[in-house]
Amino acid sequence: FAPLRVIRFDELSDEQRDTLFATG
């Protein structure tokens, strides 16, 4: 999923990141 982006990704904890869905 390297081509995908998430806004404010750097502000999220590892625990929050692991709950994110891969979306367009």
mmCIF file of all heavy atoms, coordinates in Angstrom:
data_MODEL
# 
_entry.id   MODEL 
# 
loop_
_atom_site.group_PDB 
_atom_site.id 
_atom_site.type_symbol 
_atom_site.label_atom_id 
_atom_site.label_alt_id 
_atom_site.label_comp_id 
_atom_site.label_asym_id 
_atom_site.label_entity_id 
_atom_site.label_seq_id 
_atom_site.pdbx_PDB_ins_code 
_atom_site.Cartn_x 
_atom_site.Cartn_y 
_atom_site.Cartn_z 
_atom_site.occupancy 
_atom_site.B_iso_or_equiv 
_atom_site.pdbx_formal_charge 
_atom_site.auth_seq_id 
_atom_site.auth_comp_id 
_atom_site.auth_asym_id 
_atom_site.auth_atom_id 
_atom_site.pdbx_PDB_model_num 
ATOM 1   N N   . PHE A 1 1  ? 0.817   -1.214 0.000  1.00 0.00 ? 1  PHE A N   1 
ATOM 2   C CA  . PHE A 1 1  ? 0.000   0.000  0.000  1.00 0.00 ? 1  PHE A CA  1 
ATOM 3   C C   . PHE A 1 1  ? 0.853   1.267  0.000  1.00 0.00 ? 1  PHE A C   1 
ATOM 4   O O   . PHE A 1 1  ? 0.376   2.354  0.348  1.00 0.00 ? 1  PHE A O   1 
ATOM 5   C CB  . PHE A 1 1  ? -0.934  0.008  1.210  1.00 0.00 ? 1  PHE A CB  1 
ATOM 6   C CG  . PHE A 1 1  ? -1.913  -1.130 1.229  1.00 0.00 ? 1  PHE A CG  1 
ATOM 7   C CD1 . PHE A 1 1  ? -2.040  -1.954 2.344  1.00 0.00 ? 1  PHE A CD1 1 
ATOM 8   C CD2 . PHE A 1 1  ? -2.701  -1.397 0.119  1.00 0.00 ? 1  PHE A CD2 1 
ATOM 9   C CE1 . PHE A 1 1  ? -2.941  -3.000 2.368  1.00 0.00 ? 1  PHE A CE1 1 
ATOM 10  C CE2 . PHE A 1 1  ? -3.603  -2.448 0.124  1.00 0.00 ? 1  PHE A CE2 1 
ATOM 11  C CZ  . PHE A 1 1  ? -3.730  -3.259 1.248  1.00 0.00 ? 1  PHE A CZ  1 
ATOM 12  N N   . ALA A 1 2  ? 2.084   1.158  -0.452 1.00 0.00 ? 2  ALA A N   1 
ATOM 13  C CA  . ALA A 1 2  ? 2.994   2.317  -0.457 1.00 0.00 ? 2  ALA A CA  1 
ATOM 14  C C   . ALA A 1 2  ? 2.457   3.518  -1.232 1.00 0.00 ? 2  ALA A C   1 
ATOM 15  O O   . ALA A 1 2  ? 2.728   4.661  -0.849 1.00 0.00 ? 2  ALA A O   1 
ATOM 16  C CB  . ALA A 1 2  ? 4.360   1.889  -1.018 1.00 0.00 ? 2  ALA A CB  1 
ATOM 17  N N   . PRO A 1 3  ? 1.679   3.333  -2.318 1.00 0.00 ? 3  PRO A N   1 
ATOM 18  C CA  . PRO A 1 3  ? 1.176   4.512  -3.043 1.00 0.00 ? 3  PRO A CA  1 
ATOM 19  C C   . PRO A 1 3  ? 0.057   5.271  -2.319 1.00 0.00 ? 3  PRO A C   1 
ATOM 20  O O   . PRO A 1 3  ? -0.342  6.340  -2.773 1.00 0.00 ? 3  PRO A O   1 
ATOM 21  C CB  . PRO A 1 3  ? 0.646   3.921  -4.361 1.00 0.00 ? 3  PRO A CB  1 
ATOM 22  C CG  . PRO A 1 3  ? 1.292   2.589  -4.495 1.00 0.00 ? 3  PRO A CG  1 
ATOM 23  C CD  . PRO A 1 3  ? 1.433   2.098  -3.095 1.00 0.00 ? 3  PRO A CD  1 
ATOM 24  N N   . LEU A 1 4  ? -0.454  4.729  -1.222 1.00 0.00 ? 4  LEU A N   1 
ATOM 25  C CA  . LEU A 1 4  ? -1.586  5.355  -0.543 1.00 0.00 ? 4  LEU A CA  1 
ATOM 26  C C   . LEU A 1 4  ? -1.109  6.375  0.484  1.00 0.00 ? 4  LEU A C   1 
ATOM 27  O O   . LEU A 1 4  ? -0.035  6.234  1.066  1.00 0.00 ? 4  LEU A O   1 
ATOM 28  C CB  . LEU A 1 4  ? -2.453  4.296  0.145  1.00 0.00 ? 4  LEU A CB  1 
ATOM 29  C CG  . LEU A 1 4  ? -2.962  3.156  -0.750 1.00 0.00 ? 4  LEU A CG  1 
ATOM 30  C CD1 . LEU A 1 4  ? -3.868  2.232  0.047  1.00 0.00 ? 4  LEU A CD1 1 
ATOM 31  C CD2 . LEU A 1 4  ? -3.695  3.701  -1.972 1.00 0.00 ? 4  LEU A CD2 1 
ATOM 32  N N   . ARG A 1 5  ? -1.948  7.398  0.718  1.00 0.00 ? 5  ARG A N   1 
ATOM 33  C CA  . ARG A 1 5  ? -1.630  8.468  1.656  1.00 0.00 ? 5  ARG A CA  1 
ATOM 34  C C   . ARG A 1 5  ? -2.694  8.540  2.742  1.00 0.00 ? 5  ARG A C   1 
ATOM 35  O O   . ARG A 1 5  ? -3.859  8.182  2.518  1.00 0.00 ? 5  ARG A O   1 
ATOM 36  C CB  . ARG A 1 5  ? -1.567  9.838  0.954  1.00 0.00 ? 5  ARG A CB  1 
ATOM 37  C CG  . ARG A 1 5  ? -0.467  9.971  -0.085 1.00 0.00 ? 5  ARG A CG  1 
ATOM 38  C CD  . ARG A 1 5  ? -0.596  11.312 -0.801 1.00 0.00 ? 5  ARG A CD  1 
ATOM 39  N NE  . ARG A 1 5  ? -0.587  12.429 0.128  1.00 0.00 ? 5  ARG A NE  1 
ATOM 40  C CZ  . ARG A 1 5  ? 0.482   13.177 0.398  1.00 0.00 ? 5  ARG A CZ  1 
ATOM 41  N NH1 . ARG A 1 5  ? 1.617   12.922 -0.224 1.00 0.00 ? 5  ARG A NH1 1 
ATOM 42  N NH2 . ARG A 1 5  ? 0.427   14.177 1.247  1.00 0.00 ? 5  ARG A NH2 1 
ATOM 43  N N   . VAL A 1 6  ? -2.295  9.054  3.905  1.00 0.00 ? 6  VAL A N   1 
ATOM 44  C CA  . VAL A 1 6  ? -3.225  9.309  5.002  1.00 0.00 ? 6  VAL A CA  1 
ATOM 45  C C   . VAL A 1 6  ? -2.907  10.687 5.562  1.00 0.00 ? 6  VAL A C   1 
ATOM 46  O O   . VAL A 1 6  ? -1.748  10.953 5.923  1.00 0.00 ? 6  VAL A O   1 
ATOM 47  C CB  . VAL A 1 6  ? -3.094  8.251  6.127  1.00 0.00 ? 6  VAL A CB  1 
ATOM 48  C CG1 . VAL A 1 6  ? -3.991  8.619  7.311  1.00 0.00 ? 6  VAL A CG1 1 
ATOM 49  C CG2 . VAL A 1 6  ? -3.439  6.865  5.607  1.00 0.00 ? 6  VAL A CG2 1 
ATOM 50  N N   . ILE A 1 7  ? -3.908  11.559 5.630  1.00 0.00 ? 7  ILE A N   1 
ATOM 51  C CA  . ILE A 1 7  ? -3.639  12.897 6.162  1.00 0.00 ? 7  ILE A CA  1 
ATOM 52  C C   . ILE A 1 7  ? -3.310  12.795 7.650  1.00 0.00 ? 7  ILE A C   1 
ATOM 53  O O   . ILE A 1 7  ? -3.853  11.978 8.376  1.00 0.00 ? 7  ILE A O   1 
ATOM 54  C CB  . ILE A 1 7  ? -4.829  13.852 5.932  1.00 0.00 ? 7  ILE A CB  1 
ATOM 55  C CG1 . ILE A 1 7  ? -6.090  13.347 6.629  1.00 0.00 ? 7  ILE A CG1 1 
ATOM 56  C CG2 . ILE A 1 7  ? -5.085  14.045 4.452  1.00 0.00 ? 7  ILE A CG2 1 
ATOM 57  C CD1 . ILE A 1 7  ? -7.212  14.368 6.644  1.00 0.00 ? 7  ILE A CD1 1 
ATOM 58  N N   . ARG A 1 8  ? -2.379  13.631 8.072  1.00 0.00 ? 8  ARG A N   1 
ATOM 59  C CA  . ARG A 1 8  ? -1.937  13.710 9.477  1.00 0.00 ? 8  ARG A CA  1 
ATOM 60  C C   . ARG A 1 8  ? -1.444  12.362 10.003 1.00 0.00 ? 8  ARG A C   1 
ATOM 61  O O   . ARG A 1 8  ? -1.582  12.053 11.184 1.00 0.00 ? 8  ARG A O   1 
ATOM 62  C CB  . ARG A 1 8  ? -3.073  14.246 10.356 1.00 0.00 ? 8  ARG A CB  1 
ATOM 63  C CG  . ARG A 1 8  ? -3.492  15.664 9.960  1.00 0.00 ? 8  ARG A CG  1 
ATOM 64  C CD  . ARG A 1 8  ? -4.565  16.207 10.862 1.00 0.00 ? 8  ARG A CD  1 
ATOM 65  N NE  . ARG A 1 8  ? -4.889  17.591 10.523 1.00 0.00 ? 8  ARG A NE  1 
ATOM 66  C CZ  . ARG A 1 8  ? -5.816  18.322 11.126 1.00 0.00 ? 8  ARG A CZ  1 
ATOM 67  N NH1 . ARG A 1 8  ? -6.524  17.783 12.109 1.00 0.00 ? 8  ARG A NH1 1 
ATOM 68  N NH2 . ARG A 1 8  ? -6.034  19.568 10.756 1.00 0.00 ? 8  ARG A NH2 1 
ATOM 69  N N   . PHE A 1 9  ? -0.871  11.567 9.109  1.00 0.00 ? 9  PHE A N   1 
ATOM 70  C CA  . PHE A 1 9  ? -0.383  10.243 9.507  1.00 0.00 ? 9  PHE A CA  1 
ATOM 71  C C   . PHE A 1 9  ? 0.665   10.349 10.616 1.00 0.00 ? 9  PHE A C   1 
ATOM 72  O O   . PHE A 1 9  ? 0.682   9.529  11.551 1.00 0.00 ? 9  PHE A O   1 
ATOM 73  C CB  . PHE A 1 9  ? 0.207   9.538  8.280  1.00 0.00 ? 9  PHE A CB  1 
ATOM 74  C CG  . PHE A 1 9  ? 0.645   8.116  8.520  1.00 0.00 ? 9  PHE A CG  1 
ATOM 75  C CD1 . PHE A 1 9  ? -0.284  7.095  8.602  1.00 0.00 ? 9  PHE A CD1 1 
ATOM 76  C CD2 . PHE A 1 9  ? 2.001   7.798  8.661  1.00 0.00 ? 9  PHE A CD2 1 
ATOM 77  C CE1 . PHE A 1 9  ? 0.118   5.779  8.812  1.00 0.00 ? 9  PHE A CE1 1 
ATOM 78  C CE2 . PHE A 1 9  ? 2.404   6.491  8.867  1.00 0.00 ? 9  PHE A CE2 1 
ATOM 79  C CZ  . PHE A 1 9  ? 1.469   5.478  8.949  1.00 0.00 ? 9  PHE A CZ  1 
ATOM 80  N N   . ASP A 1 10 ? 1.514   11.368 10.526 1.00 0.00 ? 10 ASP A N   1 
ATOM 81  C CA  . ASP A 1 10 ? 2.592   11.511 11.511 1.00 0.00 ? 10 ASP A CA  1 
ATOM 82  C C   . ASP A 1 10 ? 2.071   11.819 12.904 1.00 0.00 ? 10 ASP A C   1 
ATOM 83  O O   . ASP A 1 10 ? 2.795   11.638 13.889 1.00 0.00 ? 10 ASP A O   1 
ATOM 84  C CB  . ASP A 1 10 ? 3.562   12.617 11.077 1.00 0.00 ? 10 ASP A CB  1 
ATOM 85  C CG  . ASP A 1 10 ? 4.334   12.253 9.814  1.00 0.00 ? 10 ASP A CG  1 
ATOM 86  O OD1 . ASP A 1 10 ? 4.400   11.047 9.491  1.00 0.00 ? 10 ASP A OD1 1 
ATOM 87  O OD2 . ASP A 1 10 ? 4.839   13.170 9.141  1.00 0.00 ? 10 ASP A OD2 1 
ATOM 88  N N   . GLU A 1 11 ? 0.829   12.294 13.016 1.00 0.00 ? 11 GLU A N   1 
ATOM 89  C CA  . GLU A 1 11 ? 0.259   12.634 14.318 1.00 0.00 ? 11 GLU A CA  1 
ATOM 90  C C   . GLU A 1 11 ? -0.355  11.430 15.023 1.00 0.00 ? 11 GLU A C   1 
ATOM 91  O O   . GLU A 1 11 ? -0.771  11.538 16.179 1.00 0.00 ? 11 GLU A O   1 
ATOM 92  C CB  . GLU A 1 11 ? -0.800  13.722 14.150 1.00 0.00 ? 11 GLU A CB  1 
ATOM 93  C CG  . GLU A 1 11 ? -0.264  15.012 13.531 1.00 0.00 ? 11 GLU A CG  1 
ATOM 94  C CD  . GLU A 1 11 ? -1.370  16.012 13.233 1.00 0.00 ? 11 GLU A CD  1 
ATOM 95  O OE1 . GLU A 1 11 ? -2.481  15.838 13.783 1.00 0.00 ? 11 GLU A OE1 1 
ATOM 96  O OE2 . GLU A 1 11 ? -1.125  16.949 12.451 1.00 0.00 ? 11 GLU A OE2 1 
ATOM 97  N N   . LEU A 1 12 ? -0.440  10.279 14.340 1.00 0.00 ? 12 LEU A N   1 
ATOM 98  C CA  . LEU A 1 12 ? -1.098  9.108  14.899 1.00 0.00 ? 12 LEU A CA  1 
ATOM 99  C C   . LEU A 1 12 ? -0.102  8.192  15.608 1.00 0.00 ? 12 LEU A C   1 
ATOM 100 O O   . LEU A 1 12 ? 1.056   8.069  15.199 1.00 0.00 ? 12 LEU A O   1 
ATOM 101 C CB  . LEU A 1 12 ? -1.791  8.316  13.787 1.00 0.00 ? 12 LEU A CB  1 
ATOM 102 C CG  . LEU A 1 12 ? -2.816  9.075  12.936 1.00 0.00 ? 12 LEU A CG  1 
ATOM 103 C CD1 . LEU A 1 12 ? -3.377  8.161  11.855 1.00 0.00 ? 12 LEU A CD1 1 
ATOM 104 C CD2 . LEU A 1 12 ? -3.935  9.650  13.794 1.00 0.00 ? 12 LEU A CD2 1 
ATOM 105 N N   . SER A 1 13 ? -0.574  7.561  16.654 1.00 0.00 ? 13 SER A N   1 
ATOM 106 C CA  . SER A 1 13 ? 0.251   6.565  17.344 1.00 0.00 ? 13 SER A CA  1 
ATOM 107 C C   . SER A 1 13 ? 0.289   5.284  16.524 1.00 0.00 ? 13 SER A C   1 
ATOM 108 O O   . SER A 1 13 ? -0.524  5.080  15.607 1.00 0.00 ? 13 SER A O   1 
ATOM 109 C CB  . SER A 1 13 ? -0.335  6.268  18.725 1.00 0.00 ? 13 SER A CB  1 
ATOM 110 O OG  . SER A 1 13 ? -1.600  5.623  18.599 1.00 0.00 ? 13 SER A OG  1 
ATOM 111 N N   . ASP A 1 14 ? 1.225   4.391  16.861 1.00 0.00 ? 14 ASP A N   1 
ATOM 112 C CA  . ASP A 1 14 ? 1.295   3.103  16.166 1.00 0.00 ? 14 ASP A CA  1 
ATOM 113 C C   . ASP A 1 14 ? -0.004  2.325  16.335 1.00 0.00 ? 14 ASP A C   1 
ATOM 114 O O   . ASP A 1 14 ? -0.464  1.646  15.400 1.00 0.00 ? 14 ASP A O   1 
ATOM 115 C CB  . ASP A 1 14 ? 2.472   2.280  16.693 1.00 0.00 ? 14 ASP A CB  1 
ATOM 116 C CG  . ASP A 1 14 ? 3.813   2.794  16.196 1.00 0.00 ? 14 ASP A CG  1 
ATOM 117 O OD1 . ASP A 1 14 ? 3.821   3.744  15.379 1.00 0.00 ? 14 ASP A OD1 1 
ATOM 118 O OD2 . ASP A 1 14 ? 4.857   2.262  16.629 1.00 0.00 ? 14 ASP A OD2 1 
ATOM 119 N N   . GLU A 1 15 ? -0.603  2.409  17.512 1.00 0.00 ? 15 GLU A N   1 
ATOM 120 C CA  . GLU A 1 15 ? -1.863  1.695  17.766 1.00 0.00 ? 15 GLU A CA  1 
ATOM 121 C C   . GLU A 1 15 ? -2.965  2.230  16.858 1.00 0.00 ? 15 GLU A C   1 
ATOM 122 O O   . GLU A 1 15 ? -3.754  1.443  16.306 1.00 0.00 ? 15 GLU A O   1 
ATOM 123 C CB  . GLU A 1 15 ? -2.268  1.842  19.235 1.00 0.00 ? 15 GLU A CB  1 
ATOM 124 C CG  . GLU A 1 15 ? -1.384  1.098  20.226 1.00 0.00 ? 15 GLU A CG  1 
ATOM 125 C CD  . GLU A 1 15 ? -0.045  1.787  20.451 1.00 0.00 ? 15 GLU A CD  1 
ATOM 126 O OE1 . GLU A 1 15 ? 0.090   2.986  20.106 1.00 0.00 ? 15 GLU A OE1 1 
ATOM 127 O OE2 . GLU A 1 15 ? 0.862   1.121  20.982 1.00 0.00 ? 15 GLU A OE2 1 
ATOM 128 N N   . GLN A 1 16 ? -3.039  3.542  16.700 1.00 0.00 ? 16 GLN A N   1 
ATOM 129 C CA  . GLN A 1 16 ? -4.045  4.121  15.807 1.00 0.00 ? 16 GLN A CA  1 
ATOM 130 C C   . GLN A 1 16 ? -3.778  3.751  14.354 1.00 0.00 ? 16 GLN A C   1 
ATOM 131 O O   . GLN A 1 16 ? -4.698  3.432  13.603 1.00 0.00 ? 16 GLN A O   1 
ATOM 132 C CB  . GLN A 1 16 ? -4.070  5.644  15.947 1.00 0.00 ? 16 GLN A CB  1 
ATOM 133 C CG  . GLN A 1 16 ? -4.661  6.158  17.250 1.00 0.00 ? 16 GLN A CG  1 
ATOM 134 C CD  . GLN A 1 16 ? -4.544  7.660  17.361 1.00 0.00 ? 16 GLN A CD  1 
ATOM 135 O OE1 . GLN A 1 16 ? -3.468  8.233  17.172 1.00 0.00 ? 16 GLN A OE1 1 
ATOM 136 N NE2 . GLN A 1 16 ? -5.653  8.320  17.675 1.00 0.00 ? 16 GLN A NE2 1 
ATOM 137 N N   . ARG A 1 17 ? -2.524  3.772  13.955 1.00 0.00 ? 17 ARG A N   1 
ATOM 138 C CA  . ARG A 1 17 ? -2.188  3.433  12.570 1.00 0.00 ? 17 ARG A CA  1 
ATOM 139 C C   . ARG A 1 17 ? -2.609  2.014  12.221 1.00 0.00 ? 17 ARG A C   1 
ATOM 140 O O   . ARG A 1 17 ? -3.044  1.740  11.095 1.00 0.00 ? 17 ARG A O   1 
ATOM 141 C CB  . ARG A 1 17 ? -0.688  3.601  12.348 1.00 0.00 ? 17 ARG A CB  1 
ATOM 142 C CG  . ARG A 1 17 ? -0.204  5.047  12.420 1.00 0.00 ? 17 ARG A CG  1 
ATOM 143 C CD  . ARG A 1 17 ? 1.301   5.119  12.273 1.00 0.00 ? 17 ARG A CD  1 
ATOM 144 N NE  . ARG A 1 17 ? 1.795   6.500  12.375 1.00 0.00 ? 17 ARG A NE  1 
ATOM 145 C CZ  . ARG A 1 17 ? 3.061   6.842  12.293 1.00 0.00 ? 17 ARG A CZ  1 
ATOM 146 N NH1 . ARG A 1 17 ? 3.998   5.909  12.100 1.00 0.00 ? 17 ARG A NH1 1 
ATOM 147 N NH2 . ARG A 1 17 ? 3.416   8.108  12.399 1.00 0.00 ? 17 ARG A NH2 1 
ATOM 148 N N   . ASP A 1 18 ? -2.493  1.110  13.170 1.00 0.00 ? 18 ASP A N   1 
ATOM 149 C CA  . ASP A 1 18 ? -2.832  -0.283 12.887 1.00 0.00 ? 18 ASP A CA  1 
ATOM 150 C C   . ASP A 1 18 ? -4.335  -0.518 12.762 1.00 0.00 ? 18 ASP A C   1 
ATOM 151 O O   . ASP A 1 18 ? -4.765  -1.613 12.391 1.00 0.00 ? 18 ASP A O   1 
ATOM 152 C CB  . ASP A 1 18 ? -2.252  -1.193 13.975 1.00 0.00 ? 18 ASP A CB  1 
ATOM 153 C CG  . ASP A 1 18 ? -0.742  -1.377 13.843 1.00 0.00 ? 18 ASP A CG  1 
ATOM 154 O OD1 . ASP A 1 18 ? -0.180  -0.951 12.811 1.00 0.00 ? 18 ASP A OD1 1 
ATOM 155 O OD2 . ASP A 1 18 ? -0.124  -1.936 14.767 1.00 0.00 ? 18 ASP A OD2 1 
ATOM 156 N N   . THR A 1 19 ? -5.153  0.500  13.074 1.00 0.00 ? 19 THR A N   1 
ATOM 157 C CA  . THR A 1 19 ? -6.606  0.386  12.881 1.00 0.00 ? 19 THR A CA  1 
ATOM 158 C C   . THR A 1 19 ? -7.067  0.995  11.553 1.00 0.00 ? 19 THR A C   1 
ATOM 159 O O   . THR A 1 19 ? -8.240  0.881  11.198 1.00 0.00 ? 19 THR A O   1 
ATOM 160 C CB  . THR A 1 19 ? -7.369  1.096  14.014 1.00 0.00 ? 19 THR A CB  1 
ATOM 161 O OG1 . THR A 1 19 ? -7.171  2.515  13.926 1.00 0.00 ? 19 THR A OG1 1 
ATOM 162 C CG2 . THR A 1 19 ? -6.915  0.601  15.382 1.00 0.00 ? 19 THR A CG2 1 
ATOM 163 N N   . LEU A 1 20 ? -6.160  1.626  10.817 1.00 0.00 ? 20 LEU A N   1 
ATOM 164 C CA  . LEU A 1 20 ? -6.541  2.311  9.579  1.00 0.00 ? 20 LEU A CA  1 
ATOM 165 C C   . LEU A 1 20 ? -6.847  1.308  8.470  1.00 0.00 ? 20 LEU A C   1 
ATOM 166 O O   . LEU A 1 20 ? -6.148  0.306  8.308  1.00 0.00 ? 20 LEU A O   1 
ATOM 167 C CB  . LEU A 1 20 ? -5.408  3.232  9.111  1.00 0.00 ? 20 LEU A CB  1 
ATOM 168 C CG  . LEU A 1 20 ? -4.968  4.354  10.056 1.00 0.00 ? 20 LEU A CG  1 
ATOM 169 C CD1 . LEU A 1 20 ? -3.768  5.098  9.463  1.00 0.00 ? 20 LEU A CD1 1 
ATOM 170 C CD2 . LEU A 1 20 ? -6.119  5.314  10.341 1.00 0.00 ? 20 LEU A CD2 1 
ATOM 171 N N   . PHE A 1 21 ? -7.881  1.601  7.696  1.00 0.00 ? 21 PHE A N   1 
ATOM 172 C CA  . PHE A 1 21 ? -8.186  0.798  6.518  1.00 0.00 ? 21 PHE A CA  1 
ATOM 173 C C   . PHE A 1 21 ? -7.434  1.360  5.308  1.00 0.00 ? 21 PHE A C   1 
ATOM 174 O O   . PHE A 1 21 ? -7.179  2.573  5.214  1.00 0.00 ? 21 PHE A O   1 
ATOM 175 C CB  . PHE A 1 21 ? -9.689  0.817  6.223  1.00 0.00 ? 21 PHE A CB  1 
ATOM 176 C CG  . PHE A 1 21 ? -10.526 0.092  7.235  1.00 0.00 ? 21 PHE A CG  1 
ATOM 177 C CD1 . PHE A 1 21 ? -11.584 0.733  7.872  1.00 0.00 ? 21 PHE A CD1 1 
ATOM 178 C CD2 . PHE A 1 21 ? -10.276 -1.233 7.552  1.00 0.00 ? 21 PHE A CD2 1 
ATOM 179 C CE1 . PHE A 1 21 ? -12.366 0.071  8.800  1.00 0.00 ? 21 PHE A CE1 1 
ATOM 180 C CE2 . PHE A 1 21 ? -11.048 -1.913 8.485  1.00 0.00 ? 21 PHE A CE2 1 
ATOM 181 C CZ  . PHE A 1 21 ? -12.102 -1.256 9.114  1.00 0.00 ? 21 PHE A CZ  1 
ATOM 182 N N   . ALA A 1 22 ? -7.091  0.485  4.381  1.00 0.00 ? 22 ALA A N   1 
ATOM 183 C CA  . ALA A 1 22 ? -6.474  0.901  3.119  1.00 0.00 ? 22 ALA A CA  1 
ATOM 184 C C   . ALA A 1 22 ? -7.585  1.363  2.180  1.00 0.00 ? 22 ALA A C   1 
ATOM 185 O O   . ALA A 1 22 ? -8.390  0.554  1.707  1.00 0.00 ? 22 ALA A O   1 
ATOM 186 C CB  . ALA A 1 22 ? -5.696  -0.256 2.499  1.00 0.00 ? 22 ALA A CB  1 
ATOM 187 N N   . THR A 1 23 ? -7.653  2.663  1.928  1.00 0.00 ? 23 THR A N   1 
ATOM 188 C CA  . THR A 1 23 ? -8.706  3.237  1.091  1.00 0.00 ? 23 THR A CA  1 
ATOM 189 C C   . THR A 1 23 ? -8.098  4.138  0.023  1.00 0.00 ? 23 THR A C   1 
ATOM 190 O O   . THR A 1 23 ? -6.949  4.576  0.147  1.00 0.00 ? 23 THR A O   1 
ATOM 191 C CB  . THR A 1 23 ? -9.702  4.055  1.928  1.00 0.00 ? 23 THR A CB  1 
ATOM 192 O OG1 . THR A 1 23 ? -9.067  5.247  2.404  1.00 0.00 ? 23 THR A OG1 1 
ATOM 193 C CG2 . THR A 1 23 ? -10.228 3.256  3.115  1.00 0.00 ? 23 THR A CG2 1 
ATOM 194 N N   . GLY A 1 24 ? -8.884  4.449  -0.973 1.00 0.00 ? 24 GLY A N   1 
ATOM 195 C CA  . GLY A 1 24 ? -8.391  5.291  -2.060 1.00 0.00 ? 24 GLY A CA  1 
ATOM 196 C C   . GLY A 1 24 ? -8.127  6.718  -1.639 1.00 0.00 ? 24 GLY A C   1 
ATOM 197 O O   . GLY A 1 24 ? -7.253  7.380  -2.193 1.00 0.00 ? 24 GLY A O   1 
# 
